[in-house]
N, C-alpha and C. Protein backbone atom coordinates (compact mmCIF):
# COMPACT_ATOMS: atom_id res chain seq x y z
N MET A 1 5.36 -4.43 0.12
CA MET A 1 5.48 -5.87 0.25
C MET A 1 6.84 -6.25 0.81
N ILE A 2 7.90 -5.77 0.18
CA ILE A 2 9.24 -6.10 0.64
C ILE A 2 9.49 -5.50 2.02
N PHE A 3 9.01 -4.26 2.21
CA PHE A 3 9.15 -3.61 3.51
C PHE A 3 8.53 -4.47 4.59
N ASN A 4 7.33 -4.96 4.33
CA ASN A 4 6.64 -5.81 5.31
C ASN A 4 7.44 -7.06 5.62
N LEU A 5 7.94 -7.71 4.60
CA LEU A 5 8.69 -8.95 4.81
C LEU A 5 9.99 -8.71 5.59
N VAL A 6 10.68 -7.62 5.25
CA VAL A 6 11.98 -7.37 5.86
C VAL A 6 11.85 -6.72 7.24
N LYS A 7 11.11 -5.64 7.33
CA LYS A 7 11.03 -4.87 8.57
C LYS A 7 10.07 -5.46 9.60
N GLU A 8 8.91 -5.89 9.13
CA GLU A 8 7.90 -6.35 10.07
C GLU A 8 7.99 -7.84 10.38
N GLN A 9 8.40 -8.64 9.40
CA GLN A 9 8.48 -10.07 9.63
C GLN A 9 9.91 -10.54 9.92
N GLY A 10 10.86 -9.63 9.76
CA GLY A 10 12.24 -9.94 10.14
C GLY A 10 13.03 -10.77 9.14
N LEU A 11 12.58 -10.85 7.90
CA LEU A 11 13.33 -11.60 6.90
C LEU A 11 14.49 -10.77 6.37
N THR A 12 15.50 -11.45 5.87
CA THR A 12 16.58 -10.75 5.18
C THR A 12 16.09 -10.47 3.76
N LEU A 13 16.86 -9.68 3.01
CA LEU A 13 16.47 -9.43 1.62
C LEU A 13 16.45 -10.73 0.82
N GLU A 14 17.43 -11.59 1.07
CA GLU A 14 17.45 -12.90 0.40
C GLU A 14 16.25 -13.74 0.80
N GLY A 15 15.90 -13.69 2.09
CA GLY A 15 14.74 -14.43 2.57
C GLY A 15 13.45 -13.92 1.95
N ALA A 16 13.33 -12.60 1.81
CA ALA A 16 12.15 -12.00 1.18
C ALA A 16 12.07 -12.41 -0.29
N LYS A 17 13.22 -12.41 -0.96
CA LYS A 17 13.27 -12.81 -2.37
C LYS A 17 12.83 -14.27 -2.53
N LYS A 18 13.32 -15.13 -1.65
CA LYS A 18 12.96 -16.55 -1.68
C LYS A 18 11.47 -16.73 -1.41
N TYR A 19 10.95 -16.00 -0.42
CA TYR A 19 9.53 -16.08 -0.08
C TYR A 19 8.67 -15.69 -1.28
N MET A 20 9.07 -14.59 -1.94
CA MET A 20 8.29 -14.11 -3.07
C MET A 20 8.33 -15.10 -4.24
N LYS A 21 9.46 -15.76 -4.45
CA LYS A 21 9.56 -16.75 -5.53
C LYS A 21 8.71 -17.98 -5.21
N GLU A 22 8.73 -18.42 -3.96
CA GLU A 22 8.03 -19.64 -3.57
C GLU A 22 6.52 -19.43 -3.43
N ASN A 23 6.10 -18.21 -3.22
CA ASN A 23 4.68 -17.93 -2.97
C ASN A 23 4.13 -16.90 -3.96
N ARG A 24 4.37 -17.13 -5.23
CA ARG A 24 3.99 -16.16 -6.27
C ARG A 24 2.50 -15.83 -6.26
N LYS A 25 1.64 -16.83 -6.12
CA LYS A 25 0.20 -16.59 -6.15
C LYS A 25 -0.23 -15.74 -4.96
N ALA A 26 0.29 -16.05 -3.79
CA ALA A 26 -0.05 -15.28 -2.59
C ALA A 26 0.46 -13.85 -2.71
N VAL A 27 1.66 -13.69 -3.26
CA VAL A 27 2.25 -12.37 -3.43
C VAL A 27 1.41 -11.55 -4.41
N LYS A 28 1.00 -12.14 -5.52
CA LYS A 28 0.17 -11.42 -6.49
C LYS A 28 -1.14 -10.98 -5.85
N HIS A 29 -1.74 -11.85 -5.06
CA HIS A 29 -3.00 -11.52 -4.38
C HIS A 29 -2.79 -10.37 -3.39
N GLU A 30 -1.70 -10.42 -2.63
CA GLU A 30 -1.40 -9.37 -1.66
C GLU A 30 -1.15 -8.04 -2.36
N LEU A 31 -0.45 -8.07 -3.49
CA LEU A 31 -0.17 -6.83 -4.22
C LEU A 31 -1.45 -6.22 -4.78
N LYS A 32 -2.36 -7.04 -5.27
CA LYS A 32 -3.64 -6.54 -5.76
C LYS A 32 -4.42 -5.91 -4.61
N SER A 33 -4.40 -6.56 -3.47
CA SER A 33 -5.10 -6.04 -2.30
C SER A 33 -4.51 -4.70 -1.86
N GLU A 34 -3.17 -4.61 -1.82
CA GLU A 34 -2.51 -3.37 -1.44
C GLU A 34 -2.83 -2.26 -2.43
N LYS A 35 -2.83 -2.58 -3.71
CA LYS A 35 -3.12 -1.59 -4.75
C LYS A 35 -4.54 -1.06 -4.58
N SER A 36 -5.46 -1.93 -4.27
CA SER A 36 -6.84 -1.53 -4.05
C SER A 36 -6.95 -0.62 -2.84
N GLN A 37 -6.24 -0.95 -1.77
CA GLN A 37 -6.26 -0.13 -0.56
C GLN A 37 -5.66 1.23 -0.83
N PHE A 38 -4.55 1.30 -1.55
CA PHE A 38 -3.92 2.58 -1.87
C PHE A 38 -4.85 3.44 -2.72
N SER A 39 -5.53 2.82 -3.65
CA SER A 39 -6.47 3.55 -4.51
C SER A 39 -7.60 4.14 -3.68
N GLU A 40 -8.10 3.35 -2.75
CA GLU A 40 -9.18 3.79 -1.87
C GLU A 40 -8.72 4.96 -0.99
N ILE A 41 -7.53 4.86 -0.44
CA ILE A 41 -6.96 5.93 0.39
C ILE A 41 -6.76 7.19 -0.43
N GLU A 42 -6.24 7.02 -1.65
CA GLU A 42 -6.01 8.16 -2.54
C GLU A 42 -7.32 8.90 -2.82
N ASN A 43 -8.39 8.16 -3.08
CA ASN A 43 -9.69 8.78 -3.34
C ASN A 43 -10.20 9.54 -2.12
N LYS A 44 -10.02 8.97 -0.93
CA LYS A 44 -10.46 9.65 0.30
C LYS A 44 -9.66 10.93 0.51
N LEU A 45 -8.35 10.88 0.26
CA LEU A 45 -7.52 12.08 0.42
C LEU A 45 -7.90 13.17 -0.57
N LYS A 46 -8.21 12.78 -1.79
CA LYS A 46 -8.65 13.76 -2.79
C LYS A 46 -9.95 14.43 -2.35
N HIS A 47 -10.85 13.65 -1.77
CA HIS A 47 -12.12 14.18 -1.28
C HIS A 47 -11.87 15.18 -0.12
N ILE A 48 -10.99 14.82 0.78
CA ILE A 48 -10.65 15.70 1.90
C ILE A 48 -10.01 16.99 1.37
N LYS A 49 -9.12 16.85 0.39
CA LYS A 49 -8.44 18.02 -0.18
C LYS A 49 -9.45 18.98 -0.80
N SER A 50 -10.39 18.44 -1.55
CA SER A 50 -11.39 19.32 -2.18
C SER A 50 -12.24 20.01 -1.12
N GLY A 51 -12.54 19.32 -0.03
CA GLY A 51 -13.29 19.93 1.07
C GLY A 51 -12.50 21.05 1.73
N LEU A 52 -11.22 20.84 1.93
CA LEU A 52 -10.37 21.86 2.54
C LEU A 52 -10.22 23.08 1.63
N ILE A 53 -10.11 22.84 0.33
CA ILE A 53 -10.01 23.95 -0.63
C ILE A 53 -11.31 24.78 -0.59
N ALA A 54 -12.44 24.11 -0.49
CA ALA A 54 -13.73 24.81 -0.42
C ALA A 54 -13.80 25.66 0.85
N ILE A 55 -13.33 25.12 1.96
CA ILE A 55 -13.33 25.87 3.23
C ILE A 55 -12.43 27.08 3.10
N LYS A 56 -11.26 26.90 2.51
CA LYS A 56 -10.30 28.01 2.34
C LYS A 56 -10.91 29.12 1.49
N GLU A 57 -11.62 28.76 0.45
CA GLU A 57 -12.24 29.77 -0.42
C GLU A 57 -13.32 30.56 0.30
N ASN A 58 -13.96 29.95 1.29
CA ASN A 58 -15.01 30.63 2.04
C ASN A 58 -14.48 31.53 3.15
N LEU A 59 -13.21 31.47 3.42
CA LEU A 59 -12.64 32.30 4.49
C LEU A 59 -12.38 33.70 4.03
């Protein structure tokens, strides 16, 4: 979240802090969305890992 505000949107750290204070509901929604996406990615990576381990065992 902070990375996005600072690096991608060009805000300063103070600007990011102010944005997060003024937009608490939007920030909470974005964090929930990011957490869901990370969880989904983690599950896909675990599935890929188990597939690769199975391939390695068959070699």
